[in-house]
């Protein structure tokens, strides 16, 4: 094999490895999401999305897009930490 064939083979191998890593990362993210974010009940899903849209529509003109983004991000992190602590406490033996 000449150098070009070796480079082409190495490039193809690296592409396959990166695809495999991307698939593994996707699976890991879905597993973490399943642990921290419980599945949404169908009756809750019917009103949760319109309510969230209404709240964002009301808050956006009041506080501005940048500040609202910061508030939503902070609340999201706080809820994730709360769920992690709650799940950790529930799994510990008493």
N, C-alpha and C. Protein backbone atom coordinates (compact mmCIF):
# COMPACT_ATOMS: atom_id res chain seq x y z
N UNK A 1 0.83 -1.19 0.00
CA UNK A 1 0.00 0.00 0.00
C UNK A 1 0.88 1.25 0.00
N UNK A 2 0.44 2.21 -0.74
CA UNK A 2 1.20 3.46 -0.74
C UNK A 2 0.66 4.40 0.35
N UNK A 3 1.30 5.53 0.49
CA UNK A 3 0.95 6.47 1.56
C UNK A 3 -0.48 6.99 1.43
N UNK A 4 -0.92 7.27 0.21
CA UNK A 4 -2.27 7.80 0.03
C UNK A 4 -3.32 6.79 0.47
N UNK A 5 -3.10 5.52 0.17
CA UNK A 5 -4.04 4.49 0.60
C UNK A 5 -4.06 4.37 2.12
N UNK A 6 -2.90 4.47 2.74
CA UNK A 6 -2.83 4.40 4.20
C UNK A 6 -3.55 5.58 4.84
N UNK A 7 -3.35 6.77 4.28
CA UNK A 7 -4.04 7.95 4.80
C UNK A 7 -5.55 7.84 4.63
N UNK A 8 -5.98 7.34 3.48
CA UNK A 8 -7.42 7.19 3.23
C UNK A 8 -8.02 6.17 4.19
N UNK A 9 -7.29 5.09 4.43
CA UNK A 9 -7.79 4.07 5.37
C UNK A 9 -7.83 4.61 6.79
N UNK A 10 -6.81 5.36 7.16
CA UNK A 10 -6.77 5.96 8.51
C UNK A 10 -7.89 6.98 8.67
N UNK A 11 -8.13 7.77 7.64
CA UNK A 11 -9.20 8.75 7.70
C UNK A 11 -10.56 8.07 7.85
N UNK A 12 -10.78 7.01 7.10
CA UNK A 12 -12.05 6.28 7.20
C UNK A 12 -12.22 5.69 8.60
N UNK A 13 -11.14 5.18 9.17
CA UNK A 13 -11.19 4.62 10.53
C UNK A 13 -11.51 5.71 11.55
N UNK A 14 -10.90 6.88 11.40
CA UNK A 14 -11.18 7.97 12.32
C UNK A 14 -12.62 8.46 12.21
N UNK A 15 -13.15 8.48 11.01
CA UNK A 15 -14.55 8.87 10.83
C UNK A 15 -15.46 7.87 11.52
N UNK A 16 -15.18 6.59 11.36
CA UNK A 16 -15.99 5.57 12.03
C UNK A 16 -15.90 5.67 13.55
N UNK A 17 -14.70 5.94 14.05
CA UNK A 17 -14.54 6.09 15.50
C UNK A 17 -15.30 7.30 16.02
N UNK A 18 -15.26 8.40 15.27
CA UNK A 18 -15.99 9.59 15.71
C UNK A 18 -17.50 9.34 15.68
N UNK A 19 -17.99 8.60 14.67
CA UNK A 19 -19.41 8.26 14.64
C UNK A 19 -19.79 7.39 15.84
N UNK A 20 -18.95 6.44 16.17
CA UNK A 20 -19.20 5.58 17.32
C UNK A 20 -19.20 6.39 18.61
N UNK A 21 -18.26 7.31 18.76
CA UNK A 21 -18.23 8.17 19.94
C UNK A 21 -19.47 9.04 20.03
N UNK A 22 -19.95 9.55 18.90
CA UNK A 22 -21.15 10.37 18.88
C UNK A 22 -22.36 9.55 19.32
N UNK A 23 -22.44 8.31 18.87
CA UNK A 23 -23.55 7.44 19.26
C UNK A 23 -23.48 7.13 20.76
N UNK A 24 -22.28 6.86 21.25
CA UNK A 24 -22.12 6.59 22.69
C UNK A 24 -22.51 7.80 23.53
N UNK A 25 -22.13 8.99 23.07
CA UNK A 25 -22.48 10.21 23.79
C UNK A 25 -23.98 10.42 23.80
N UNK A 26 -24.63 10.17 22.68
CA UNK A 26 -26.09 10.31 22.61
C UNK A 26 -26.78 9.36 23.58
N UNK A 27 -26.31 8.14 23.64
CA UNK A 27 -26.89 7.17 24.57
C UNK A 27 -26.67 7.61 26.01
N UNK A 28 -25.48 8.08 26.33
CA UNK A 28 -25.19 8.53 27.69
C UNK A 28 -26.06 9.72 28.08
N UNK A 29 -26.24 10.66 27.16
CA UNK A 29 -27.08 11.82 27.46
C UNK A 29 -28.52 11.39 27.69
N UNK A 30 -29.01 10.48 26.90
CA UNK A 30 -30.39 10.00 27.09
C UNK A 30 -30.54 9.27 28.41
N UNK A 31 -29.51 8.52 28.82
CA UNK A 31 -29.58 7.83 30.11
C UNK A 31 -29.60 8.83 31.26
N UNK A 32 -28.76 9.85 31.18
CA UNK A 32 -28.73 10.87 32.23
C UNK A 32 -30.05 11.62 32.26
N UNK A 33 -30.59 11.95 31.10
CA UNK A 33 -31.87 12.64 31.03
C UNK A 33 -32.98 11.79 31.65
N UNK A 34 -32.94 10.48 31.41
CA UNK A 34 -33.96 9.60 31.98
C UNK A 34 -33.85 9.53 33.50
N UNK A 35 -32.64 9.68 34.02
CA UNK A 35 -32.46 9.64 35.47
C UNK A 35 -32.97 10.92 36.11
N UNK A 36 -32.61 12.08 35.56
CA UNK A 36 -32.92 13.35 36.20
C UNK A 36 -34.27 13.92 35.78
N UNK A 37 -34.73 13.64 34.59
CA UNK A 37 -36.01 14.18 34.12
C UNK A 37 -37.00 13.04 33.97
N UNK A 38 -37.90 12.90 34.91
CA UNK A 38 -38.86 11.80 34.81
C UNK A 38 -39.76 11.99 33.59
N UNK A 39 -40.30 10.90 33.06
CA UNK A 39 -41.18 11.04 31.90
C UNK A 39 -42.42 11.85 32.24
N UNK A 40 -42.86 12.62 31.28
CA UNK A 40 -44.00 13.50 31.48
C UNK A 40 -45.29 12.71 31.30
N UNK A 41 -46.19 12.85 32.26
CA UNK A 41 -47.49 12.19 32.17
C UNK A 41 -48.30 12.85 31.06
N UNK A 42 -49.10 12.07 30.33
CA UNK A 42 -49.86 12.65 29.21
C UNK A 42 -50.81 13.78 29.63
N UNK A 43 -51.42 13.67 30.80
CA UNK A 43 -52.33 14.72 31.23
C UNK A 43 -51.58 16.01 31.58
N UNK A 44 -50.33 15.87 32.02
CA UNK A 44 -49.52 17.06 32.32
C UNK A 44 -49.01 17.70 31.04
N UNK A 45 -48.67 16.87 30.06
CA UNK A 45 -48.13 17.40 28.81
C UNK A 45 -49.15 18.25 28.07
N UNK A 46 -50.43 17.99 28.29
CA UNK A 46 -51.47 18.72 27.59
C UNK A 46 -51.52 20.19 27.99
N UNK A 47 -51.17 20.52 29.23
CA UNK A 47 -51.23 21.90 29.67
C UNK A 47 -49.88 22.53 29.94
N UNK A 48 -48.81 21.73 30.06
CA UNK A 48 -47.50 22.27 30.43
C UNK A 48 -46.90 23.14 29.33
N UNK A 49 -46.95 22.69 28.08
CA UNK A 49 -46.34 23.46 26.99
C UNK A 49 -47.07 24.78 26.75
N UNK A 50 -48.41 24.81 26.69
CA UNK A 50 -49.07 26.11 26.53
C UNK A 50 -48.82 27.06 27.71
N UNK A 51 -48.76 26.50 28.91
CA UNK A 51 -48.49 27.33 30.09
C UNK A 51 -47.09 27.93 30.01
N UNK A 52 -46.10 27.12 29.63
CA UNK A 52 -44.74 27.62 29.51
C UNK A 52 -44.65 28.71 28.44
N UNK A 53 -45.33 28.51 27.33
CA UNK A 53 -45.34 29.52 26.27
C UNK A 53 -45.98 30.82 26.73
N UNK A 54 -47.05 30.72 27.49
CA UNK A 54 -47.72 31.92 28.00
C UNK A 54 -46.82 32.66 28.99
N UNK A 55 -46.17 31.91 29.88
CA UNK A 55 -45.29 32.55 30.86
C UNK A 55 -44.12 33.25 30.18
N UNK A 56 -43.52 32.61 29.20
CA UNK A 56 -42.42 33.23 28.47
C UNK A 56 -42.92 34.45 27.71
N UNK A 57 -44.11 34.35 27.11
CA UNK A 57 -44.68 35.50 26.40
C UNK A 57 -44.95 36.68 27.30
N UNK A 58 -45.33 36.42 28.55
CA UNK A 58 -45.58 37.50 29.49
C UNK A 58 -44.28 38.07 30.07
N UNK A 59 -43.32 37.21 30.34
CA UNK A 59 -42.09 37.64 30.99
C UNK A 59 -41.11 38.30 30.02
N UNK A 60 -41.15 37.95 28.77
CA UNK A 60 -40.18 38.47 27.80
C UNK A 60 -40.24 39.99 27.69
N UNK A 61 -41.40 40.60 27.51
CA UNK A 61 -41.40 42.07 27.42
C UNK A 61 -41.02 42.75 28.74
N UNK A 62 -41.28 42.08 29.86
CA UNK A 62 -41.00 42.70 31.16
C UNK A 62 -39.52 42.75 31.49
N UNK A 63 -38.82 41.63 31.28
CA UNK A 63 -37.42 41.55 31.72
C UNK A 63 -36.42 41.55 30.58
N UNK A 64 -36.84 41.34 29.37
CA UNK A 64 -35.92 41.31 28.24
C UNK A 64 -35.42 39.91 27.96
N UNK A 65 -34.98 39.70 26.74
CA UNK A 65 -34.59 38.36 26.29
C UNK A 65 -33.34 37.85 27.01
N UNK A 66 -32.34 38.72 27.17
CA UNK A 66 -31.08 38.27 27.78
C UNK A 66 -31.29 37.90 29.25
N UNK A 67 -32.00 38.73 29.99
CA UNK A 67 -32.24 38.45 31.40
C UNK A 67 -33.14 37.23 31.57
N UNK A 68 -34.14 37.08 30.69
CA UNK A 68 -35.02 35.92 30.77
C UNK A 68 -34.24 34.63 30.50
N UNK A 69 -33.31 34.69 29.55
CA UNK A 69 -32.45 33.52 29.27
C UNK A 69 -31.65 33.15 30.52
N UNK A 70 -31.09 34.13 31.19
CA UNK A 70 -30.32 33.87 32.41
C UNK A 70 -31.21 33.29 33.51
N UNK A 71 -32.42 33.82 33.65
CA UNK A 71 -33.34 33.32 34.67
C UNK A 71 -33.74 31.87 34.39
N UNK A 72 -34.10 31.59 33.14
CA UNK A 72 -34.51 30.23 32.78
C UNK A 72 -33.36 29.26 32.95
N UNK A 73 -32.16 29.65 32.55
CA UNK A 73 -30.99 28.78 32.71
C UNK A 73 -30.71 28.52 34.18
N UNK A 74 -30.81 29.54 35.02
CA UNK A 74 -30.57 29.37 36.46
C UNK A 74 -31.62 28.46 37.08
N UNK A 75 -32.88 28.65 36.70
CA UNK A 75 -33.93 27.78 37.23
C UNK A 75 -33.74 26.34 36.77
N UNK A 76 -33.29 26.15 35.55
CA UNK A 76 -33.05 24.80 35.04
C UNK A 76 -31.94 24.10 35.82
N UNK A 77 -30.86 24.82 36.08
CA UNK A 77 -29.76 24.24 36.86
C UNK A 77 -30.23 23.94 38.28
N UNK A 78 -31.00 24.85 38.87
CA UNK A 78 -31.50 24.63 40.23
C UNK A 78 -32.41 23.41 40.30
N UNK A 79 -33.27 23.24 39.32
CA UNK A 79 -34.16 22.07 39.30
C UNK A 79 -33.37 20.78 39.11
N UNK A 80 -32.34 20.82 38.29
CA UNK A 80 -31.51 19.64 38.09
C UNK A 80 -30.80 19.25 39.38
N UNK A 81 -30.26 20.23 40.08
CA UNK A 81 -29.59 19.95 41.36
C UNK A 81 -30.59 19.42 42.37
N UNK A 82 -31.78 20.02 42.42
CA UNK A 82 -32.82 19.56 43.34
C UNK A 82 -33.20 18.10 43.05
N UNK A 83 -33.40 17.77 41.79
CA UNK A 83 -33.77 16.39 41.44
C UNK A 83 -32.64 15.42 41.76
N UNK A 84 -31.40 15.83 41.50
CA UNK A 84 -30.26 14.96 41.79
C UNK A 84 -30.18 14.68 43.29
N UNK A 85 -30.34 15.70 44.11
CA UNK A 85 -30.28 15.51 45.56
C UNK A 85 -31.45 14.66 46.04
N UNK A 86 -32.63 14.92 45.50
CA UNK A 86 -33.81 14.15 45.89
C UNK A 86 -33.65 12.67 45.52
N UNK A 87 -33.17 12.40 44.31
CA UNK A 87 -32.95 11.01 43.89
C UNK A 87 -31.85 10.35 44.70
N UNK A 88 -30.81 11.11 45.04
CA UNK A 88 -29.71 10.57 45.84
C UNK A 88 -30.19 10.22 47.23
N UNK A 89 -30.99 11.08 47.83
CA UNK A 89 -31.52 10.80 49.17
C UNK A 89 -32.48 9.63 49.16
N UNK A 90 -33.27 9.51 48.10
CA UNK A 90 -34.23 8.41 48.02
C UNK A 90 -33.53 7.06 47.83
N UNK A 91 -32.37 7.07 47.21
CA UNK A 91 -31.67 5.80 46.94
C UNK A 91 -30.79 5.37 48.11
N UNK A 92 -30.52 6.27 49.05
CA UNK A 92 -29.68 5.89 50.20
C UNK A 92 -30.45 5.04 51.18
N UNK A 93 -29.80 4.01 51.72
CA UNK A 93 -30.47 3.23 52.78
C UNK A 93 -30.53 4.04 54.06
N UNK A 94 -31.60 3.89 54.77
CA UNK A 94 -31.80 4.68 56.00
C UNK A 94 -31.24 3.98 57.19
